[in-house]
Amino acid sequence: MKLLLLLAGISLGLVVGFWFYASARNLSETVNFDVTTFLTSLVVSVVVPLMFVALPVHASQAVRRGAKSWAPRRVLVAFAASLMLGSLAAEGWMLRDEAKFASEVSSLDSKYSRARAWPNQTGSLVFVPGRGINGTD
């Protein structure tokens, strides 16, 4: 049961970290790595989910003061680490898509756009000659 809880926390963290980071980065409409966007997206993908999970877990531990349990602390650490890994995977996924787009437009001299890669198909990458590549949401 302990292992199952730990694996569930890790799996959930990877998915939530990836999805929240990709969504936050897409909304920022940036292309390529940007420190400010990276840090802001990490707040959305790591800090916010941790607040929603850690506060109830901490409150339940406070109610059960006498109970010694390894599970909440280790699951929270595993969840936090997997949120971070999911976020880093999303950044890599988006950078890969942007590099692919850059190679698609390298020989073009006209305006071109296409949807970003999954899960950000609602956003687009746009190439405008003389202005470069931009992101839209």
N, C-alpha and C. Protein backbone atom coordinates (compact mmCIF):
# COMPACT_ATOMS: atom_id res chain seq x y z
N MET A 1 0.82 -1.20 0.00
CA MET A 1 0.00 0.00 0.00
C MET A 1 0.88 1.27 0.00
N LYS A 2 1.96 1.24 0.78
CA LYS A 2 2.84 2.41 0.84
C LYS A 2 3.47 2.67 -0.53
N LEU A 3 3.91 1.62 -1.19
CA LEU A 3 4.52 1.77 -2.51
C LEU A 3 3.50 2.29 -3.52
N LEU A 4 2.29 1.79 -3.44
CA LEU A 4 1.23 2.24 -4.35
C LEU A 4 0.95 3.73 -4.15
N LEU A 5 0.90 4.17 -2.92
CA LEU A 5 0.68 5.59 -2.61
C LEU A 5 1.84 6.44 -3.15
N LEU A 6 3.04 5.96 -2.97
CA LEU A 6 4.22 6.67 -3.46
C LEU A 6 4.20 6.76 -4.99
N LEU A 7 3.89 5.67 -5.67
CA LEU A 7 3.83 5.66 -7.13
C LEU A 7 2.70 6.55 -7.65
N ALA A 8 1.59 6.57 -6.95
CA ALA A 8 0.48 7.45 -7.35
C ALA A 8 0.89 8.91 -7.22
N GLY A 9 1.59 9.25 -6.15
CA GLY A 9 2.06 10.62 -5.97
C GLY A 9 3.04 11.04 -7.04
N ILE A 10 3.94 10.14 -7.40
CA ILE A 10 4.92 10.42 -8.46
C ILE A 10 4.23 10.58 -9.81
N SER A 11 3.34 9.66 -10.13
CA SER A 11 2.63 9.73 -11.42
C SER A 11 1.80 11.00 -11.53
N LEU A 12 1.07 11.32 -10.49
CA LEU A 12 0.25 12.53 -10.50
C LEU A 12 1.13 13.77 -10.63
N GLY A 13 2.25 13.79 -9.93
CA GLY A 13 3.16 14.93 -10.01
C GLY A 13 3.73 15.14 -11.40
N LEU A 14 4.11 14.06 -12.07
CA LEU A 14 4.65 14.18 -13.43
C LEU A 14 3.62 14.76 -14.39
N VAL A 15 2.40 14.26 -14.30
CA VAL A 15 1.34 14.73 -15.19
C VAL A 15 0.97 16.18 -14.90
N VAL A 16 0.74 16.49 -13.63
CA VAL A 16 0.35 17.85 -13.25
C VAL A 16 1.48 18.84 -13.55
N GLY A 17 2.71 18.48 -13.23
CA GLY A 17 3.84 19.36 -13.50
C GLY A 17 3.98 19.66 -14.98
N PHE A 18 3.88 18.63 -15.81
CA PHE A 18 4.00 18.81 -17.26
C PHE A 18 2.88 19.70 -17.77
N TRP A 19 1.65 19.37 -17.41
CA TRP A 19 0.48 20.07 -17.95
C TRP A 19 0.44 21.53 -17.49
N PHE A 20 0.64 21.76 -16.19
CA PHE A 20 0.58 23.13 -15.67
C PHE A 20 1.72 23.99 -16.22
N TYR A 21 2.91 23.42 -16.31
CA TYR A 21 4.05 24.18 -16.83
C TYR A 21 3.81 24.55 -18.30
N ALA A 22 3.40 23.56 -19.09
CA ALA A 22 3.17 23.81 -20.51
C ALA A 22 2.08 24.86 -20.71
N SER A 23 1.05 24.81 -19.91
CA SER A 23 -0.03 25.80 -20.03
C SER A 23 0.46 27.19 -19.65
N ALA A 24 1.20 27.30 -18.56
CA ALA A 24 1.70 28.60 -18.13
C ALA A 24 2.68 29.18 -19.15
N ARG A 25 3.54 28.35 -19.67
CA ARG A 25 4.53 28.82 -20.66
C ARG A 25 3.85 29.24 -21.95
N ASN A 26 2.83 28.50 -22.35
CA ASN A 26 2.08 28.85 -23.56
C ASN A 26 1.38 30.20 -23.38
N LEU A 27 0.82 30.45 -22.23
CA LEU A 27 0.13 31.71 -21.97
C LEU A 27 1.09 32.90 -21.97
N SER A 28 2.35 32.65 -21.69
CA SER A 28 3.32 33.75 -21.68
C SER A 28 3.72 34.19 -23.08
N GLU A 29 3.37 33.39 -24.08
CA GLU A 29 3.63 33.70 -25.49
C GLU A 29 5.11 33.92 -25.80
N THR A 30 5.98 33.19 -25.13
CA THR A 30 7.41 33.32 -25.40
C THR A 30 7.88 32.18 -26.31
N VAL A 31 8.99 32.43 -26.94
CA VAL A 31 9.64 31.42 -27.77
C VAL A 31 11.08 31.34 -27.27
N ASN A 32 11.59 30.13 -27.16
CA ASN A 32 12.92 29.85 -26.64
C ASN A 32 12.94 30.05 -25.12
N PHE A 33 14.06 29.71 -24.52
CA PHE A 33 14.16 29.75 -23.06
C PHE A 33 14.24 31.19 -22.57
N ASP A 34 13.42 31.49 -21.56
CA ASP A 34 13.41 32.80 -20.93
C ASP A 34 13.34 32.58 -19.42
N VAL A 35 14.27 33.16 -18.67
CA VAL A 35 14.38 32.91 -17.24
C VAL A 35 13.12 33.34 -16.50
N THR A 36 12.60 34.52 -16.80
CA THR A 36 11.41 35.01 -16.11
C THR A 36 10.22 34.09 -16.36
N THR A 37 10.03 33.70 -17.61
CA THR A 37 8.93 32.79 -17.94
C THR A 37 9.14 31.44 -17.27
N PHE A 38 10.36 30.95 -17.24
CA PHE A 38 10.67 29.68 -16.59
C PHE A 38 10.29 29.72 -15.12
N LEU A 39 10.71 30.76 -14.42
CA LEU A 39 10.42 30.87 -12.98
C LEU A 39 8.93 31.05 -12.71
N THR A 40 8.27 31.86 -13.51
CA THR A 40 6.83 32.05 -13.34
C THR A 40 6.07 30.75 -13.59
N SER A 41 6.47 30.04 -14.63
CA SER A 41 5.81 28.76 -14.94
C SER A 41 6.07 27.73 -13.85
N LEU A 42 7.26 27.77 -13.24
CA LEU A 42 7.54 26.85 -12.13
C LEU A 42 6.65 27.14 -10.92
N VAL A 43 6.38 28.40 -10.67
CA VAL A 43 5.46 28.73 -9.58
C VAL A 43 4.09 28.10 -9.84
N VAL A 44 3.63 28.22 -11.07
CA VAL A 44 2.32 27.66 -11.43
C VAL A 44 2.34 26.13 -11.38
N SER A 45 3.44 25.53 -11.81
CA SER A 45 3.47 24.07 -11.93
C SER A 45 3.99 23.33 -10.71
N VAL A 46 4.68 24.02 -9.81
CA VAL A 46 5.22 23.34 -8.62
C VAL A 46 4.62 23.91 -7.34
N VAL A 47 4.73 25.19 -7.15
CA VAL A 47 4.31 25.80 -5.88
C VAL A 47 2.80 25.71 -5.67
N VAL A 48 2.03 26.06 -6.68
CA VAL A 48 0.56 26.05 -6.53
C VAL A 48 0.04 24.64 -6.25
N PRO A 49 0.40 23.62 -7.04
CA PRO A 49 -0.09 22.28 -6.70
C PRO A 49 0.37 21.81 -5.31
N LEU A 50 1.60 22.15 -4.92
CA LEU A 50 2.08 21.75 -3.60
C LEU A 50 1.24 22.39 -2.49
N MET A 51 0.84 23.64 -2.70
CA MET A 51 0.00 24.29 -1.68
C MET A 51 -1.32 23.54 -1.51
N PHE A 52 -1.91 23.12 -2.61
CA PHE A 52 -3.19 22.42 -2.53
C PHE A 52 -3.06 21.02 -1.96
N VAL A 53 -1.90 20.42 -2.05
CA VAL A 53 -1.70 19.07 -1.52
C VAL A 53 -1.08 19.11 -0.12
N ALA A 54 -0.07 19.95 0.06
CA ALA A 54 0.68 19.95 1.32
C ALA A 54 -0.14 20.49 2.49
N LEU A 55 -0.95 21.50 2.26
CA LEU A 55 -1.72 22.06 3.37
C LEU A 55 -2.70 21.06 3.97
N PRO A 56 -3.51 20.35 3.18
CA PRO A 56 -4.38 19.33 3.78
C PRO A 56 -3.61 18.18 4.45
N VAL A 57 -2.50 17.79 3.85
CA VAL A 57 -1.69 16.72 4.45
C VAL A 57 -1.12 17.18 5.78
N HIS A 58 -0.61 18.40 5.81
CA HIS A 58 -0.06 18.94 7.06
C HIS A 58 -1.16 19.08 8.12
N ALA A 59 -2.32 19.52 7.71
CA ALA A 59 -3.44 19.66 8.65
C ALA A 59 -3.85 18.30 9.21
N SER A 60 -3.87 17.28 8.38
CA SER A 60 -4.24 15.95 8.86
C SER A 60 -3.19 15.40 9.81
N GLN A 61 -1.93 15.73 9.58
CA GLN A 61 -0.86 15.30 10.48
C GLN A 61 -0.97 16.03 11.82
N ALA A 62 -1.38 17.28 11.79
CA ALA A 62 -1.53 18.04 13.04
C ALA A 62 -2.65 17.46 13.89
N VAL A 63 -3.70 16.99 13.24
CA VAL A 63 -4.81 16.37 13.97
C VAL A 63 -4.37 15.06 14.59
N ARG A 64 -3.56 14.31 13.90
CA ARG A 64 -3.08 13.02 14.39
C ARG A 64 -1.65 13.15 14.90
N ARG A 65 -1.43 14.01 15.85
CA ARG A 65 -0.07 14.28 16.35
C ARG A 65 0.68 13.04 16.82
N GLY A 66 -0.01 12.17 17.47
CA GLY A 66 0.66 11.00 18.02
C GLY A 66 1.03 9.97 16.98
N ALA A 67 0.37 10.00 15.83
CA ALA A 67 0.62 8.99 14.81
C ALA A 67 1.93 9.29 14.07
N LYS A 68 2.80 8.31 14.03
CA LYS A 68 4.06 8.46 13.29
C LYS A 68 3.88 7.75 11.95
N SER A 69 4.02 8.50 10.91
CA SER A 69 3.83 7.93 9.59
C SER A 69 4.89 8.47 8.64
N TRP A 70 5.46 7.61 7.86
CA TRP A 70 6.45 8.01 6.88
C TRP A 70 5.77 8.52 5.62
N ALA A 71 4.56 8.04 5.38
CA ALA A 71 3.91 8.25 4.08
C ALA A 71 3.73 9.71 3.70
N PRO A 72 3.11 10.54 4.52
CA PRO A 72 2.86 11.91 4.04
C PRO A 72 4.13 12.67 3.67
N ARG A 73 5.15 12.58 4.48
CA ARG A 73 6.38 13.31 4.20
C ARG A 73 7.06 12.81 2.94
N ARG A 74 7.19 11.52 2.81
CA ARG A 74 7.87 10.96 1.63
C ARG A 74 7.06 11.16 0.36
N VAL A 75 5.75 11.01 0.48
CA VAL A 75 4.91 11.21 -0.70
C VAL A 75 4.97 12.67 -1.14
N LEU A 76 4.99 13.60 -0.19
CA LEU A 76 5.09 15.02 -0.55
C LEU A 76 6.43 15.33 -1.22
N VAL A 77 7.50 14.77 -0.71
CA VAL A 77 8.81 14.98 -1.33
C VAL A 77 8.84 14.38 -2.73
N ALA A 78 8.30 13.18 -2.88
CA ALA A 78 8.25 12.54 -4.20
C ALA A 78 7.35 13.33 -5.14
N PHE A 79 6.24 13.83 -4.61
CA PHE A 79 5.31 14.63 -5.42
C PHE A 79 5.99 15.91 -5.89
N ALA A 80 6.70 16.59 -4.99
CA ALA A 80 7.40 17.84 -5.34
C ALA A 80 8.48 17.57 -6.40
N ALA A 81 9.24 16.50 -6.21
CA ALA A 81 10.28 16.17 -7.18
C ALA A 81 9.69 15.82 -8.55
N SER A 82 8.58 15.10 -8.54
CA SER A 82 7.96 14.73 -9.82
C SER A 82 7.30 15.94 -10.49
N LEU A 83 6.78 16.90 -9.70
CA LEU A 83 6.28 18.14 -10.29
C LEU A 83 7.40 18.86 -11.03
N MET A 84 8.56 18.91 -10.40
CA MET A 84 9.72 19.57 -11.01
C MET A 84 10.17 18.82 -12.28
N LEU A 85 10.23 17.50 -12.21
CA LEU A 85 10.62 16.71 -13.39
C LEU A 85 9.61 16.88 -14.52
N GLY A 86 8.33 16.88 -14.19
CA GLY A 86 7.30 17.10 -15.20
C GLY A 86 7.43 18.47 -15.85
N SER A 87 7.76 19.48 -15.04
CA SER A 87 7.95 20.83 -15.55
C SER A 87 9.15 20.90 -16.49
N LEU A 88 10.25 20.27 -16.09
CA LEU A 88 11.44 20.26 -16.94
C LEU A 88 11.19 19.50 -18.25
N ALA A 89 10.42 18.43 -18.16
CA ALA A 89 10.06 17.68 -19.37
C ALA A 89 9.22 18.54 -20.31
N ALA A 90 8.31 19.33 -19.75
CA ALA A 90 7.47 20.21 -20.57
C ALA A 90 8.32 21.28 -21.25
N GLU A 91 9.28 21.84 -20.53
CA GLU A 91 10.17 22.85 -21.13
C GLU A 91 10.95 22.22 -22.29
N GLY A 92 11.48 21.05 -22.08
CA GLY A 92 12.20 20.35 -23.14
C GLY A 92 11.31 20.05 -24.34
N TRP A 93 10.08 19.64 -24.07
CA TRP A 93 9.12 19.33 -25.12
C TRP A 93 8.83 20.58 -25.96
N MET A 94 8.65 21.72 -25.28
CA MET A 94 8.34 22.95 -25.99
C MET A 94 9.56 23.48 -26.77
N LEU A 95 10.74 23.36 -26.17
CA LEU A 95 11.96 23.79 -26.87
C LEU A 95 12.19 22.94 -28.12
N ARG A 96 11.89 21.66 -28.02
CA ARG A 96 12.03 20.76 -29.16
C ARG A 96 11.08 21.17 -30.29
N ASP A 97 9.83 21.49 -29.92
CA ASP A 97 8.85 21.91 -30.90
C ASP A 97 9.27 23.24 -31.55
N GLU A 98 9.79 24.16 -30.76
CA GLU A 98 10.23 25.45 -31.29
C GLU A 98 11.43 25.30 -32.22
N ALA A 99 12.34 24.39 -31.89
CA ALA A 99 13.48 24.12 -32.77
C ALA A 99 13.02 23.51 -34.09
N LYS A 100 12.04 22.62 -34.01
CA LYS A 100 11.48 22.02 -35.22
C LYS A 100 10.83 23.10 -36.09
N PHE A 101 10.10 24.01 -35.45
CA PHE A 101 9.47 25.10 -36.20
C PHE A 101 10.53 25.99 -36.85
N ALA A 102 11.59 26.29 -36.12
CA ALA A 102 12.67 27.12 -36.67
C ALA A 102 13.28 26.47 -37.91
N SER A 103 13.42 25.16 -37.89
CA SER A 103 13.97 24.49 -39.08
C SER A 103 12.96 24.48 -40.22
N GLU A 104 11.65 24.45 -39.90
CA GLU A 104 10.62 24.50 -40.94
C GLU A 104 10.64 25.84 -41.68
N VAL A 105 10.92 26.92 -40.95
CA VAL A 105 10.85 28.26 -41.56
C VAL A 105 12.21 28.79 -42.00
N SER A 106 13.26 28.02 -41.83
CA SER A 106 14.60 28.52 -42.13
C SER A 106 14.77 28.96 -43.57
N SER A 107 14.05 28.36 -44.49
CA SER A 107 14.21 28.73 -45.90
C SER A 107 13.02 29.53 -46.44
N LEU A 108 12.10 29.90 -45.56
CA LEU A 108 10.92 30.65 -46.02
C LEU A 108 11.18 32.15 -46.04
N ASP A 109 10.49 32.82 -46.95
CA ASP A 109 10.55 34.28 -46.96
C ASP A 109 9.14 34.88 -46.93
N SER A 110 8.18 34.08 -46.46
CA SER A 110 6.81 34.56 -46.32
C SER A 110 6.29 34.19 -44.93
N LYS A 111 5.21 34.83 -44.55
CA LYS A 111 4.62 34.58 -43.23
C LYS A 111 4.12 33.13 -43.15
N TYR A 112 4.35 32.53 -41.99
CA TYR A 112 3.98 31.12 -41.80
C TYR A 112 3.62 30.91 -40.34
N SER A 113 2.61 30.11 -40.09
CA SER A 113 2.26 29.77 -38.71
C SER A 113 1.70 28.36 -38.65
N ARG A 114 1.79 27.80 -37.47
CA ARG A 114 1.19 26.48 -37.21
C ARG A 114 0.94 26.37 -35.72
N ALA A 115 0.08 25.41 -35.36
CA ALA A 115 -0.22 25.18 -33.95
C ALA A 115 1.00 24.60 -33.24
N ARG A 116 1.12 24.92 -31.96
CA ARG A 116 2.18 24.31 -31.15
C ARG A 116 1.90 22.82 -31.01
N ALA A 117 2.88 22.09 -30.53
CA ALA A 117 2.72 20.65 -30.31
C ALA A 117 1.81 20.41 -29.10
N TRP A 118 1.24 19.21 -29.04
CA TRP A 118 0.42 18.81 -27.91
C TRP A 118 1.18 19.06 -26.62
N PRO A 119 0.59 19.52 -25.58
CA PRO A 119 -0.83 19.79 -25.33
C PRO A 119 -1.20 21.25 -25.53
N ASN A 120 -0.43 21.98 -26.28
CA ASN A 120 -0.66 23.42 -26.44
C ASN A 120 -1.14 23.80 -27.83
N GLN A 121 -1.99 22.97 -28.42
CA GLN A 121 -2.46 23.22 -29.77
C GLN A 121 -3.28 24.50 -29.88
N THR A 122 -3.76 25.03 -28.77
CA THR A 122 -4.52 26.28 -28.82
C THR A 122 -3.61 27.47 -29.09
N GLY A 123 -2.33 27.31 -28.88
CA GLY A 123 -1.35 28.36 -29.17
C GLY A 123 -0.69 28.10 -30.51
N SER A 124 -0.10 29.13 -31.05
CA SER A 124 0.55 29.00 -32.36
C SER A 124 1.97 29.54 -32.32
N LEU A 125 2.76 29.05 -33.23
CA LEU A 125 4.08 29.61 -33.51
C LEU A 125 3.95 30.34 -34.84
N VAL A 126 4.44 31.57 -34.89
CA VAL A 126 4.28 32.40 -36.07
C VAL A 126 5.64 32.92 -36.51
N PHE A 127 5.92 32.79 -37.80
CA PHE A 127 7.14 33.34 -38.38
C PHE A 127 6.76 34.52 -39.27
N VAL A 128 7.38 35.65 -39.03
CA VAL A 128 7.19 36.84 -39.85
C VAL A 128 8.58 37.25 -40.35
N PRO A 129 8.78 37.28 -41.66
CA PRO A 129 10.09 37.65 -42.19
C PRO A 129 10.54 39.02 -41.65
N GLY A 130 11.76 39.09 -41.22
CA GLY A 130 12.31 40.32 -40.68
C GLY A 130 12.02 40.53 -39.20
N ARG A 131 11.07 39.78 -38.65
CA ARG A 131 10.74 39.92 -37.23
C ARG A 131 10.98 38.64 -36.46
N GLY A 132 11.15 37.53 -37.13
CA GLY A 132 11.46 36.28 -36.46
C GLY A 132 10.24 35.48 -36.05
N ILE A 133 10.47 34.62 -35.04
CA ILE A 133 9.42 33.70 -34.58
C ILE A 133 8.80 34.26 -33.30
N ASN A 134 7.48 34.20 -33.26
CA ASN A 134 6.72 34.64 -32.09
C ASN A 134 5.76 33.53 -31.68
N GLY A 135 5.35 33.58 -30.44
CA GLY A 135 4.34 32.67 -29.95
C GLY A 135 3.05 33.40 -29.67
N THR A 136 1.92 32.74 -29.91
CA THR A 136 0.62 33.32 -29.57
C THR A 136 -0.16 32.28 -28.77
N ASP A 137 -1.14 32.76 -28.02
CA ASP A 137 -1.98 31.79 -27.29
C ASP A 137 -3.38 31.78 -27.83
